[in-house]
Amino acid sequence: MPSNANSKFRIGIDLGGTKIELAVLDASNKVMMRKRVPTQAQLGVDHIISQITKLYLEAKSSYPAHTLGIGTPGSISEQTGLLRNSNTVCLNGIALQRVIEEALNCSVFIENDANCFALAEATLGAGRNFDTVFGVIMGTGCGGGWVINKHLRRGPQRLAGEWGHMVLDPTGLSCFCGQHGCVETFISGSGVERHYQALNNSVGEQISCESIFQMALSAENSIAVKVVEQFYSHLGQALANLINMMDPDAIVLGGGLSNIDGLPELCRKKVAEKVFTKEFTTPIIRHHLGDSAGVIGAALIA
């Protein structure tokens, strides 16, 4: 594949469940270009690759000297080279790096999307003044990433930070990973929607996560109130478990659900009730880079 060792620019692509976003960074990490298109995963792998290709070729025409990094849910297996554990399930079992490199005719770095988010926030964003940072994504799914002294901790099996698949309740709802009651089934947009649907006995009814939180805020719907209370309780427990295990210097919250009004404060209150100390001091802070963090992190890995 062509080498871009002397590149002046970094291209990052964030391959999400609902959108594919591209950004171009210059040498000072200034965003020079940013564009997104819908993922439309229901149309299959070939469509996703074509969406990535269109974005990339547009950026390449203006920034020919570049590196390319891609963030995606899941991770590339060190043993097989295949993508695994992605909640964009059509991509699981695909040699994603090879397929993309062949489509784009260039070298590609691929990293877990939560790791990309964590790296961006730990180096350029809310966690830049801390040594050990855990970055949390709460969006369509739920993930996390560890950054220690500005370096990603991946682990030998590339499982470091897979916080979304710690089991909180083995009798809970099924998860795409094959387990039941994972963090992701509680602390994600899809998880909140599924819990509301289950409690409301509303099979087939589509109520958005945003609407559920709005109904809970106005107390007009007792089921919504219960679902949101469970959300905060499980979020507090999951983060308390994490702090008890690794005691990070800071936790940075990202993803769509991180923008809920008052989330960091409510989150700290719930964590304080469950963490193994009466002197709980861990900063729990909202992202600084907005929804650009993932795509910026993807650019930074290359």
C-alpha atoms as a PDB file:
ATOM      1  CA  MET A   1       0.000   0.000   0.000  1.00  0.00           C
ATOM      2  CA  PRO A   2       1.217   3.552  -0.632  1.00  0.00           C
ATOM      3  CA  SER A   3       3.161   5.078   2.252  1.00  0.00           C
ATOM      4  CA  ASN A   4       2.489   8.527   3.641  1.00  0.00           C
ATOM      5  CA  ALA A   5       5.338   8.775   6.125  1.00  0.00           C
ATOM      6  CA  ASN A   6       5.952  12.450   5.327  1.00  0.00           C
ATOM      7  CA  SER A   7       2.294  13.414   5.525  1.00  0.00           C
ATOM      8  CA  LYS A   8       1.286  16.924   6.482  1.00  0.00           C
ATOM      9  CA  PHE A   9      -2.266  15.917   7.317  1.00  0.00           C
ATOM     10  CA  ARG A  10      -4.108  13.228   9.236  1.00  0.00           C
ATOM     11  CA  ILE A  11      -7.434  11.877   8.041  1.00  0.00           C
ATOM     12  CA  GLY A  12      -9.694  10.220  10.569  1.00  0.00           C
ATOM     13  CA  ILE A  13     -12.901   8.301   9.923  1.00  0.00           C
ATOM     14  CA  ASP A  14     -15.343   7.420  12.686  1.00  0.00           C
ATOM     15  CA  LEU A  15     -17.426   4.410  11.619  1.00  0.00           C
ATOM     16  CA  GLY A  16     -20.497   4.621  13.832  1.00  0.00           C
ATOM     17  CA  GLY A  17     -23.745   2.714  13.937  1.00  0.00           C
ATOM     18  CA  THR A  18     -25.766   5.640  12.590  1.00  0.00           C
ATOM     19  CA  LYS A  19     -23.192   7.858  10.878  1.00  0.00           C
ATOM     20  CA  ILE A  20     -19.779   7.736   9.255  1.00  0.00           C
ATOM     21  CA  GLU A  21     -17.780  10.894   9.894  1.00  0.00           C
ATOM     22  CA  LEU A  22     -14.511  12.115   8.407  1.00  0.00           C
ATOM     23  CA  ALA A  23     -12.171  14.827   9.655  1.00  0.00           C
ATOM     24  CA  VAL A  24      -8.825  16.131   8.429  1.00  0.00           C
ATOM     25  CA  LEU A  25      -6.294  17.490  10.933  1.00  0.00           C
ATOM     26  CA  ASP A  26      -3.254  19.590  10.135  1.00  0.00           C
ATOM     27  CA  ALA A  27       0.092  19.353  11.940  1.00  0.00           C
ATOM     28  CA  SER A  28      -1.218  21.434  14.862  1.00  0.00           C
ATOM     29  CA  ASN A  29      -4.360  19.255  15.134  1.00  0.00           C
ATOM     30  CA  LYS A  30      -6.610  21.947  13.699  1.00  0.00           C
ATOM     31  CA  VAL A  31      -9.665  20.516  11.930  1.00  0.00           C
ATOM     32  CA  MET A  32      -9.397  21.440   8.247  1.00  0.00           C
ATOM     33  CA  MET A  33     -12.363  19.459   6.946  1.00  0.00           C
ATOM     34  CA  ARG A  34     -15.262  17.608   8.506  1.00  0.00           C
ATOM     35  CA  LYS A  35     -18.095  15.714   6.834  1.00  0.00           C
ATOM     36  CA  ARG A  36     -20.519  12.929   7.723  1.00  0.00           C
ATOM     37  CA  VAL A  37     -22.871  10.561   5.908  1.00  0.00           C
ATOM     38  CA  PRO A  38     -25.393   8.002   7.211  1.00  0.00           C
ATOM     39  CA  THR A  39     -24.032   4.492   7.827  1.00  0.00           C
ATOM     40  CA  GLN A  40     -27.201   2.654   6.740  1.00  0.00           C
ATOM     41  CA  ALA A  41     -25.874  -0.634   8.104  1.00  0.00           C
ATOM     42  CA  GLN A  42     -29.055  -2.400   7.038  1.00  0.00           C
ATOM     43  CA  LEU A  43     -27.797  -2.104   3.450  1.00  0.00           C
ATOM     44  CA  GLY A  44     -24.806  -4.297   4.236  1.00  0.00           C
ATOM     45  CA  VAL A  45     -21.022  -4.322   4.212  1.00  0.00           C
ATOM     46  CA  ASP A  46     -20.555  -3.261   0.582  1.00  0.00           C
ATOM     47  CA  HIS A  47     -22.660  -0.142   1.155  1.00  0.00           C
ATOM     48  CA  ILE A  48     -20.675   0.792   4.269  1.00  0.00           C
ATOM     49  CA  ILE A  49     -17.396   0.411   2.372  1.00  0.00           C
ATOM     50  CA  SER A  50     -18.753   2.557  -0.470  1.00  0.00           C
ATOM     51  CA  GLN A  51     -19.726   5.288   2.004  1.00  0.00           C
ATOM     52  CA  ILE A  52     -16.227   5.240   3.494  1.00  0.00           C
ATOM     53  CA  THR A  53     -14.705   5.343   0.009  1.00  0.00           C
ATOM     54  CA  LYS A  54     -16.740   8.376  -1.066  1.00  0.00           C
ATOM     55  CA  LEU A  55     -15.735  10.349   2.025  1.00  0.00           C
ATOM     56  CA  TYR A  56     -12.090   9.366   1.729  1.00  0.00           C
ATOM     57  CA  LEU A  57     -11.724  10.217  -1.957  1.00  0.00           C
ATOM     58  CA  GLU A  58     -13.266  13.641  -1.382  1.00  0.00           C
ATOM     59  CA  ALA A  59     -10.773  14.389   1.402  1.00  0.00           C
ATOM     60  CA  LYS A  60      -7.845  12.906  -0.525  1.00  0.00           C
ATOM     61  CA  SER A  61      -8.470  15.253  -3.449  1.00  0.00           C
ATOM     62  CA  SER A  62      -7.752  18.265  -1.215  1.00  0.00           C
ATOM     63  CA  TYR A  63      -5.207  16.683   1.151  1.00  0.00           C
ATOM     64  CA  PRO A  64      -3.190  14.152  -0.870  1.00  0.00           C
ATOM     65  CA  ALA A  65      -0.338  13.829   1.663  1.00  0.00           C
ATOM     66  CA  HIS A  66      -1.941  12.175   4.667  1.00  0.00           C
ATOM     67  CA  THR A  67      -2.211   9.260   7.045  1.00  0.00           C
ATOM     68  CA  LEU A  68      -5.533   7.501   7.650  1.00  0.00           C
ATOM     69  CA  GLY A  69      -7.007   6.154  10.858  1.00  0.00           C
ATOM     70  CA  ILE A  70     -10.412   4.577  11.307  1.00  0.00           C
ATOM     71  CA  GLY A  71     -12.343   4.091  14.530  1.00  0.00           C
ATOM     72  CA  THR A  72     -14.976   1.362  14.662  1.00  0.00           C
ATOM     73  CA  PRO A  73     -17.006  -0.455  17.299  1.00  0.00           C
ATOM     74  CA  GLY A  74     -15.312  -3.723  18.218  1.00  0.00           C
ATOM     75  CA  SER A  75     -11.694  -4.608  17.554  1.00  0.00           C
ATOM     76  CA  ILE A  76      -9.498  -6.474  15.098  1.00  0.00           C
ATOM     77  CA  SER A  77      -8.497  -9.906  16.417  1.00  0.00           C
ATOM     78  CA  GLU A  78      -4.737 -10.342  16.720  1.00  0.00           C
ATOM     79  CA  GLN A  79      -5.152 -14.040  15.855  1.00  0.00           C
ATOM     80  CA  THR A  80      -7.500 -13.928  12.854  1.00  0.00           C
ATOM     81  CA  GLY A  81      -7.374 -10.348  11.583  1.00  0.00           C
ATOM     82  CA  LEU A  82     -11.171 -10.274  11.595  1.00  0.00           C
ATOM     83  CA  LEU A  83     -13.377  -7.664  13.238  1.00  0.00           C
ATOM     84  CA  ARG A  84     -15.211  -8.916  16.322  1.00  0.00           C
ATOM     85  CA  ASN A  85     -17.561  -7.589  18.994  1.00  0.00           C
ATOM     86  CA  SER A  86     -18.982  -4.796  16.836  1.00  0.00           C
ATOM     87  CA  ASN A  87     -22.565  -3.719  17.456  1.00  0.00           C
ATOM     88  CA  THR A  88     -22.684  -2.982  13.731  1.00  0.00           C
ATOM     89  CA  VAL A  89     -23.075  -6.723  13.507  1.00  0.00           C
ATOM     90  CA  CYS A  90     -22.792  -7.052   9.713  1.00  0.00           C
ATOM     91  CA  LEU A  91     -19.100  -6.130  10.042  1.00  0.00           C
ATOM     92  CA  ASN A  92     -18.257  -8.940  12.468  1.00  0.00           C
ATOM     93  CA  GLY A  93     -16.138 -11.670  10.910  1.00  0.00           C
ATOM     94  CA  ILE A  94     -14.924  -9.339   8.147  1.00  0.00           C
ATOM     95  CA  ALA A  95     -11.217  -8.709   7.472  1.00  0.00           C
ATOM     96  CA  LEU A  96     -12.081  -5.031   7.742  1.00  0.00           C
ATOM     97  CA  GLN A  97      -8.582  -3.600   7.525  1.00  0.00           C
ATOM     98  CA  ARG A  98      -7.736  -5.609   4.381  1.00  0.00           C
ATOM     99  CA  VAL A  99     -11.085  -4.817   2.753  1.00  0.00           C
ATOM    100  CA  ILE A 100     -10.742  -1.078   3.378  1.00  0.00           C
ATOM    101  CA  GLU A 101      -7.086  -0.953   2.297  1.00  0.00           C
ATOM    102  CA  GLU A 102      -7.985  -2.683  -0.954  1.00  0.00           C
ATOM    103  CA  ALA A 103     -10.936  -0.348  -1.553  1.00  0.00           C
ATOM    104  CA  LEU A 104      -8.937   2.809  -0.835  1.00  0.00           C
ATOM    105  CA  ASN A 105      -5.509   1.652  -2.062  1.00  0.00           C
ATOM    106  CA  CYS A 106      -3.749   3.029   1.009  1.00  0.00           C
ATOM    107  CA  SER A 107      -2.510   1.926   4.408  1.00  0.00           C
ATOM    108  CA  VAL A 108      -5.044   2.188   7.230  1.00  0.00           C
ATOM    109  CA  PHE A 109      -4.795   2.135  11.010  1.00  0.00           C
ATOM    110  CA  ILE A 110      -7.926   0.753  12.699  1.00  0.00           C
ATOM    111  CA  GLU A 111      -8.794   1.191  16.373  1.00  0.00           C
ATOM    112  CA  ASN A 112     -11.812   0.705  18.612  1.00  0.00           C
ATOM    113  CA  ASP A 113     -14.037   3.793  18.500  1.00  0.00           C
ATOM    114  CA  ALA A 114     -14.156   4.216  22.283  1.00  0.00           C
ATOM    115  CA  ASN A 115     -10.350   4.109  22.354  1.00  0.00           C
ATOM    116  CA  CYS A 116     -10.328   6.852  19.726  1.00  0.00           C
ATOM    117  CA  PHE A 117     -12.673   8.965  21.836  1.00  0.00           C
ATOM    118  CA  ALA A 118     -10.588   8.393  24.967  1.00  0.00           C
ATOM    119  CA  LEU A 119      -7.318   9.248  23.218  1.00  0.00           C
ATOM    120  CA  ALA A 120      -8.696  12.496  21.826  1.00  0.00           C
ATOM    121  CA  GLU A 121     -10.138  13.643  25.148  1.00  0.00           C
ATOM    122  CA  ALA A 122      -7.057  12.577  27.121  1.00  0.00           C
ATOM    123  CA  THR A 123      -4.648  14.430  24.822  1.00  0.00           C
ATOM    124  CA  LEU A 124      -6.618  17.421  23.533  1.00  0.00           C
ATOM    125  CA  GLY A 125      -9.830  17.537  25.541  1.00  0.00           C
ATOM    126  CA  ALA A 126     -11.295  17.280  29.019  1.00  0.00           C
ATOM    127  CA  GLY A 127      -8.715  14.796  30.299  1.00  0.00           C
ATOM    128  CA  ARG A 128      -5.578  16.498  29.031  1.00  0.00           C
ATOM    129  CA  ASN A 129      -4.397  17.493  32.526  1.00  0.00           C
ATOM    130  CA  PHE A 130      -4.696  13.969  33.975  1.00  0.00           C
ATOM    131  CA  ASP A 131      -2.327  10.991  33.783  1.00  0.00           C
ATOM    132  CA  THR A 132      -4.771   8.064  33.781  1.00  0.00           C
ATOM    133  CA  VAL A 133      -8.055   8.693  32.012  1.00  0.00           C
ATOM    134  CA  PHE A 134     -11.009   6.425  31.362  1.00  0.00           C
ATOM    135  CA  GLY A 135     -13.154   7.628  28.480  1.00  0.00           C
ATOM    136  CA  VAL A 136     -16.788   6.519  28.360  1.00  0.00           C
ATOM    137  CA  ILE A 137     -19.017   6.473  25.284  1.00  0.00           C
ATOM    138  CA  MET A 138     -22.749   6.263  25.936  1.00  0.00           C
ATOM    139  CA  GLY A 139     -24.493   6.453  22.590  1.00  0.00           C
ATOM    140  CA  THR A 140     -26.219   3.835  20.458  1.00  0.00           C
ATOM    141  CA  GLY A 141     -23.969   1.409  22.315  1.00  0.00           C
ATOM    142  CA  CYS A 142     -21.655   1.732  25.298  1.00  0.00           C
ATOM    143  CA  GLY A 143     -17.878   1.502  25.325  1.00  0.00           C
ATOM    144  CA  GLY A 144     -14.782   2.761  27.051  1.00  0.00           C
ATOM    145  CA  GLY A 145     -11.070   3.258  26.650  1.00  0.00           C
ATOM    146  CA  TRP A 146      -8.012   3.670  28.869  1.00  0.00           C
ATOM    147  CA  VAL A 147      -5.321   6.274  28.214  1.00  0.00           C
ATOM    148  CA  ILE A 148      -2.273   6.260  30.479  1.00  0.00           C
ATOM    149  CA  ASN A 149       0.261   9.078  30.121  1.00  0.00           C
ATOM    150  CA  LYS A 150      -1.245   9.966  26.716  1.00  0.00           C
ATOM    151  CA  HIS A 151      -0.907   6.385  25.419  1.00  0.00           C
ATOM    152  CA  LEU A 152      -3.728   3.945  24.732  1.00  0.00           C
ATOM    153  CA  ARG A 153      -3.872   0.804  26.829  1.00  0.00           C
ATOM    154  CA  ARG A 154      -5.160  -1.881  24.448  1.00  0.00           C
ATOM    155  CA  GLY A 155      -4.185  -5.101  26.204  1.00  0.00           C
ATOM    156  CA  PRO A 156      -2.797  -8.260  24.554  1.00  0.00           C
ATOM    157  CA  GLN A 157      -6.301  -9.286  23.435  1.00  0.00           C
ATOM    158  CA  ARG A 158      -7.383  -5.702  22.635  1.00  0.00           C
ATOM    159  CA  LEU A 159     -10.047  -5.935  25.334  1.00  0.00           C
ATOM    160  CA  ALA A 160      -8.915  -3.079  27.585  1.00  0.00           C
ATOM    161  CA  GLY A 161     -11.786  -0.675  28.190  1.00  0.00           C
ATOM    162  CA  GLU A 162     -14.590  -2.997  27.011  1.00  0.00           C
ATOM    163  CA  TRP A 163     -16.632  -1.686  29.910  1.00  0.00           C
ATOM    164  CA  GLY A 164     -19.904  -1.985  28.009  1.00  0.00           C
ATOM    165  CA  HIS A 165     -19.783  -5.765  28.310  1.00  0.00           C
ATOM    166  CA  MET A 166     -19.206  -6.165  32.009  1.00  0.00           C
ATOM    167  CA  VAL A 167     -22.290  -7.967  33.307  1.00  0.00           C
ATOM    168  CA  LEU A 168     -24.361  -6.036  35.841  1.00  0.00           C
ATOM    169  CA  ASP A 169     -27.345  -8.390  35.966  1.00  0.00           C
ATOM    170  CA  PRO A 170     -27.084 -11.914  34.495  1.00  0.00           C
ATOM    171  CA  THR A 171     -30.890 -12.152  34.509  1.00  0.00           C
ATOM    172  CA  GLY A 172     -31.198  -8.938  32.472  1.00  0.00           C
ATOM    173  CA  LEU A 173     -31.928  -8.298  28.812  1.00  0.00           C
ATOM    174  CA  SER A 174     -29.935 -10.152  26.176  1.00  0.00           C
ATOM    175  CA  CYS A 175     -26.972  -8.380  24.579  1.00  0.00           C
ATOM    176  CA  PHE A 176     -25.710  -8.804  21.026  1.00  0.00           C
ATOM    177  CA  CYS A 177     -22.483 -10.204  22.533  1.00  0.00           C
ATOM    178  CA  GLY A 178     -24.338 -13.283  23.784  1.00  0.00           C
ATOM    179  CA  GLN A 179     -24.430 -12.325  27.466  1.00  0.00           C
ATOM    180  CA  HIS A 180     -27.338 -10.960  29.483  1.00  0.00           C
ATOM    181  CA  GLY A 181     -27.487  -7.758  31.507  1.00  0.00           C
ATOM    182  CA  CYS A 182     -24.303  -6.155  30.155  1.00  0.00           C
ATOM    183  CA  VAL A 183     -23.635  -2.501  30.968  1.00  0.00           C
ATOM    184  CA  GLU A 184     -24.577  -1.695  27.364  1.00  0.00           C
ATOM    185  CA  THR A 185     -28.077  -3.121  27.854  1.00  0.00           C
ATOM    186  CA  PHE A 186     -28.651  -0.491  30.560  1.00  0.00           C
ATOM    187  CA  ILE A 187     -26.387   2.443  29.707  1.00  0.00           C
ATOM    188  CA  SER A 188     -26.941   3.208  26.039  1.00  0.00           C
ATOM    189  CA  GLY A 189     -29.624   4.764  23.916  1.00  0.00           C
ATOM    190  CA  SER A 190     -30.716   1.381  22.602  1.00  0.00           C
ATOM    191  CA  GLY A 191     -30.671  -0.083  26.115  1.00  0.00           C
ATOM    192  CA  VAL A 192     -32.899   2.656  27.532  1.00  0.00           C
ATOM    193  CA  GLU A 193     -35.335   2.175  24.648  1.00  0.00           C
ATOM    194  CA  ARG A 194     -35.431  -1.604  25.126  1.00  0.00           C
ATOM    195  CA  HIS A 195     -36.042  -1.289  28.871  1.00  0.00           C
ATOM    196  CA  TYR A 196     -38.887   1.116  28.295  1.00  0.00           C
ATOM    197  CA  GLN A 197     -40.386  -1.191  25.699  1.00  0.00           C
ATOM    198  CA  ALA A 198     -40.100  -4.223  28.021  1.00  0.00           C
ATOM    199  CA  LEU A 199     -41.696  -2.464  31.000  1.00  0.00           C
ATOM    200  CA  ASN A 200     -44.406  -0.915  28.850  1.00  0.00           C
ATOM    201  CA  ASN A 201     -45.219  -4.231  27.138  1.00  0.00           C
ATOM    202  CA  SER A 202     -45.030  -2.253  23.897  1.00  0.00           C
ATOM    203  CA  VAL A 203     -43.527  -4.709  21.446  1.00  0.00           C
ATOM    204  CA  GLY A 204     -42.933  -2.918  18.175  1.00  0.00           C
ATOM    205  CA  GLU A 205     -43.548   0.566  19.605  1.00  0.00           C
ATOM    206  CA  GLN A 206     -40.610   2.862  18.937  1.00  0.00           C
ATOM    207  CA  ILE A 207     -40.037   5.473  21.653  1.00  0.00           C
ATOM    208  CA  SER A 208     -36.733   7.321  21.386  1.00  0.00           C
ATOM    209  CA  CYS A 209     -34.296   7.559  24.267  1.00  0.00           C
ATOM    210  CA  GLU A 210     -34.588  11.356  24.134  1.00  0.00           C
ATOM    211  CA  SER A 211     -38.369  11.152  24.498  1.00  0.00           C
ATOM    212  CA  ILE A 212     -38.076   8.751  27.441  1.00  0.00           C
ATOM    213  CA  PHE A 213     -35.809  11.159  29.316  1.00  0.00           C
ATOM    214  CA  GLN A 214     -38.133  14.060  28.513  1.00  0.00           C
ATOM    215  CA  MET A 215     -41.151  12.129  29.825  1.00  0.00           C
ATOM    216  CA  ALA A 216     -39.237  11.233  32.975  1.00  0.00           C
ATOM    217  CA  LEU A 217     -38.206  14.850  33.522  1.00  0.00           C
ATOM    218  CA  SER A 218     -41.813  16.011  33.435  1.00  0.00           C
ATOM    219  CA  ALA A 219     -42.901  12.987  35.507  1.00  0.00           C
ATOM    220  CA  GLU A 220     -45.750  12.450  33.061  1.00  0.00           C
ATOM    221  CA  ASN A 221     -44.949   8.774  32.565  1.00  0.00           C
ATOM    222  CA  SER A 222     -44.200   6.505  35.530  1.00  0.00           C
ATOM    223  CA  ILE A 223     -42.522   3.880  33.351  1.00  0.00           C
ATOM    224  CA  ALA A 224     -40.172   6.475  31.882  1.00  0.00           C
ATOM    225  CA  VAL A 225     -39.369   7.657  35.414  1.00  0.00           C
ATOM    226  CA  LYS A 226     -38.512   4.083  36.441  1.00  0.00           C
ATOM    227  CA  VAL A 227     -36.349   3.468  33.361  1.00  0.00           C
ATOM    228  CA  VAL A 228     -34.369   6.672  33.916  1.00  0.00           C
ATOM    229  CA  GLU A 229     -33.923   5.900  37.618  1.00  0.00           C
ATOM    230  CA  GLN A 230     -32.561   2.489  36.635  1.00  0.00           C
ATOM    231  CA  PHE A 231     -30.265   4.137  34.112  1.00  0.00           C
ATOM    232  CA  TYR A 232     -28.632   6.312  36.767  1.00  0.00           C
ATOM    233  CA  SER A 233     -28.460   3.496  39.302  1.00  0.00           C
ATOM    234  CA  HIS A 234     -26.728   1.161  36.875  1.00  0.00           C
ATOM    235  CA  LEU A 235     -24.441   3.926  35.617  1.00  0.00           C
ATOM    236  CA  GLY A 236     -23.375   4.620  39.201  1.00  0.00           C
ATOM    237  CA  GLN A 237     -22.756   0.946  39.903  1.00  0.00           C
ATOM    238  CA  ALA A 238     -20.807   0.365  36.703  1.00  0.00           C
ATOM    239  CA  LEU A 239     -18.518   3.350  37.264  1.00  0.00           C
ATOM    240  CA  ALA A 240     -18.059   2.484  40.935  1.00  0.00           C
ATOM    241  CA  ASN A 241     -16.928  -1.008  39.897  1.00  0.00           C
ATOM    242  CA  LEU A 242     -14.472   0.569  37.480  1.00  0.00           C
ATOM    243  CA  ILE A 243     -13.087   2.995  40.075  1.00  0.00           C
ATOM    244  CA  ASN A 244     -12.725   0.201  42.625  1.00  0.00           C
ATOM    245  CA  MET A 245     -10.669  -1.763  40.097  1.00  0.00           C
ATOM    246  CA  MET A 246      -8.387   0.906  38.555  1.00  0.00           C
ATOM    247  CA  ASP A 247      -8.942   4.212  40.409  1.00  0.00           C
ATOM    248  CA  PRO A 248      -8.388   6.482  37.372  1.00  0.00           C
ATOM    249  CA  ASP A 249      -7.367  10.126  37.751  1.00  0.00           C
ATOM    250  CA  ALA A 250     -10.462  11.189  35.772  1.00  0.00           C
ATOM    251  CA  ILE A 251     -13.445   9.782  33.912  1.00  0.00           C
ATOM    252  CA  VAL A 252     -14.592  11.618  30.769  1.00  0.00           C
ATOM    253  CA  LEU A 253     -18.174  11.099  29.613  1.00  0.00           C
ATOM    254  CA  GLY A 254     -18.969  11.103  25.898  1.00  0.00           C
ATOM    255  CA  GLY A 255     -21.589   9.984  23.427  1.00  0.00           C
ATOM    256  CA  GLY A 256     -25.101  11.303  22.939  1.00  0.00           C
ATOM    257  CA  LEU A 257     -26.317  10.437  26.445  1.00  0.00           C
ATOM    258  CA  SER A 258     -23.451  12.402  28.004  1.00  0.00           C
ATOM    259  CA  ASN A 259     -25.220  15.599  26.924  1.00  0.00           C
ATOM    260  CA  ILE A 260     -28.154  15.024  29.275  1.00  0.00           C
ATOM    261  CA  ASP A 261     -28.548  18.069  31.530  1.00  0.00           C
ATOM    262  CA  GLY A 262     -26.993  17.481  34.940  1.00  0.00           C
ATOM    263  CA  LEU A 263     -25.563  14.068  34.044  1.00  0.00           C
ATOM    264  CA  PRO A 264     -22.074  14.471  35.609  1.00  0.00           C
ATOM    265  CA  GLU A 265     -23.547  15.680  38.910  1.00  0.00           C
ATOM    266  CA  LEU A 266     -26.176  12.934  39.108  1.00  0.00           C
ATOM    267  CA  CYS A 267     -23.578  10.409  38.060  1.00  0.00           C
ATOM    268  CA  ARG A 268     -21.191  11.467  40.855  1.00  0.00           C
ATOM    269  CA  LYS A 269     -24.002  11.180  43.397  1.00  0.00           C
ATOM    270  CA  LYS A 270     -24.801   7.607  42.352  1.00  0.00           C
ATOM    271  CA  VAL A 271     -21.146   6.579  42.189  1.00  0.00           C
ATOM    272  CA  ALA A 272     -20.528   8.018  45.675  1.00  0.00           C
ATOM    273  CA  GLU A 273     -23.261   5.754  47.037  1.00  0.00           C
ATOM    274  CA  LYS A 274     -21.570   2.630  45.677  1.00  0.00           C
ATOM    275  CA  VAL A 275     -17.805   3.159  45.479  1.00  0.00           C
ATOM    276  CA  PHE A 276     -15.555   1.541  48.108  1.00  0.00           C
ATOM    277  CA  THR A 277     -14.596   4.735  49.939  1.00  0.00           C
ATOM    278  CA  LYS A 278     -16.249   7.519  51.881  1.00  0.00           C
ATOM    279  CA  GLU A 279     -13.693   9.952  50.424  1.00  0.00           C
ATOM    280  CA  PHE A 280     -14.717   9.742  46.775  1.00  0.00           C
ATOM    281  CA  THR A 281     -12.845  12.392  44.747  1.00  0.00           C
ATOM    282  CA  THR A 282     -12.613  11.062  41.175  1.00  0.00           C
ATOM    283  CA  PRO A 283     -13.484  13.827  38.661  1.00  0.00           C
ATOM    284  CA  ILE A 284     -16.341  12.759  36.380  1.00  0.00           C
ATOM    285  CA  ILE A 285     -16.457  15.311  33.609  1.00  0.00           C
ATOM    286  CA  ARG A 286     -18.199  15.860  30.298  1.00  0.00           C
ATOM    287  CA  HIS A 287     -16.224  15.763  27.058  1.00  0.00           C
ATOM    288  CA  HIS A 288     -14.733  18.993  25.677  1.00  0.00           C
ATOM    289  CA  LEU A 289     -14.447  18.021  22.012  1.00  0.00           C
ATOM    290  CA  GLY A 290     -18.134  17.386  21.410  1.00  0.00           C
ATOM    291  CA  ASP A 291     -19.144  14.730  18.935  1.00  0.00           C
ATOM    292  CA  SER A 292     -15.868  15.323  17.063  1.00  0.00           C
ATOM    293  CA  ALA A 293     -13.843  13.454  19.677  1.00  0.00           C
ATOM    294  CA  GLY A 294     -14.154  10.043  18.034  1.00  0.00           C
ATOM    295  CA  VAL A 295     -13.134  11.185  14.582  1.00  0.00           C
ATOM    296  CA  ILE A 296     -10.291  13.332  15.977  1.00  0.00           C
ATOM    297  CA  GLY A 297      -9.041  10.309  17.902  1.00  0.00           C
ATOM    298  CA  ALA A 298      -9.210   8.206  14.742  1.00  0.00           C
ATOM    299  CA  ALA A 299      -6.965  10.739  13.015  1.00  0.00           C
ATOM    300  CA  LEU A 300      -4.553  10.719  15.971  1.00  0.00           C
ATOM    301  CA  ILE A 301      -3.957   6.958  15.886  1.00  0.00           C
ATOM    302  CA  ALA A 302      -2.335   7.124  12.442  1.00  0.00           C
END
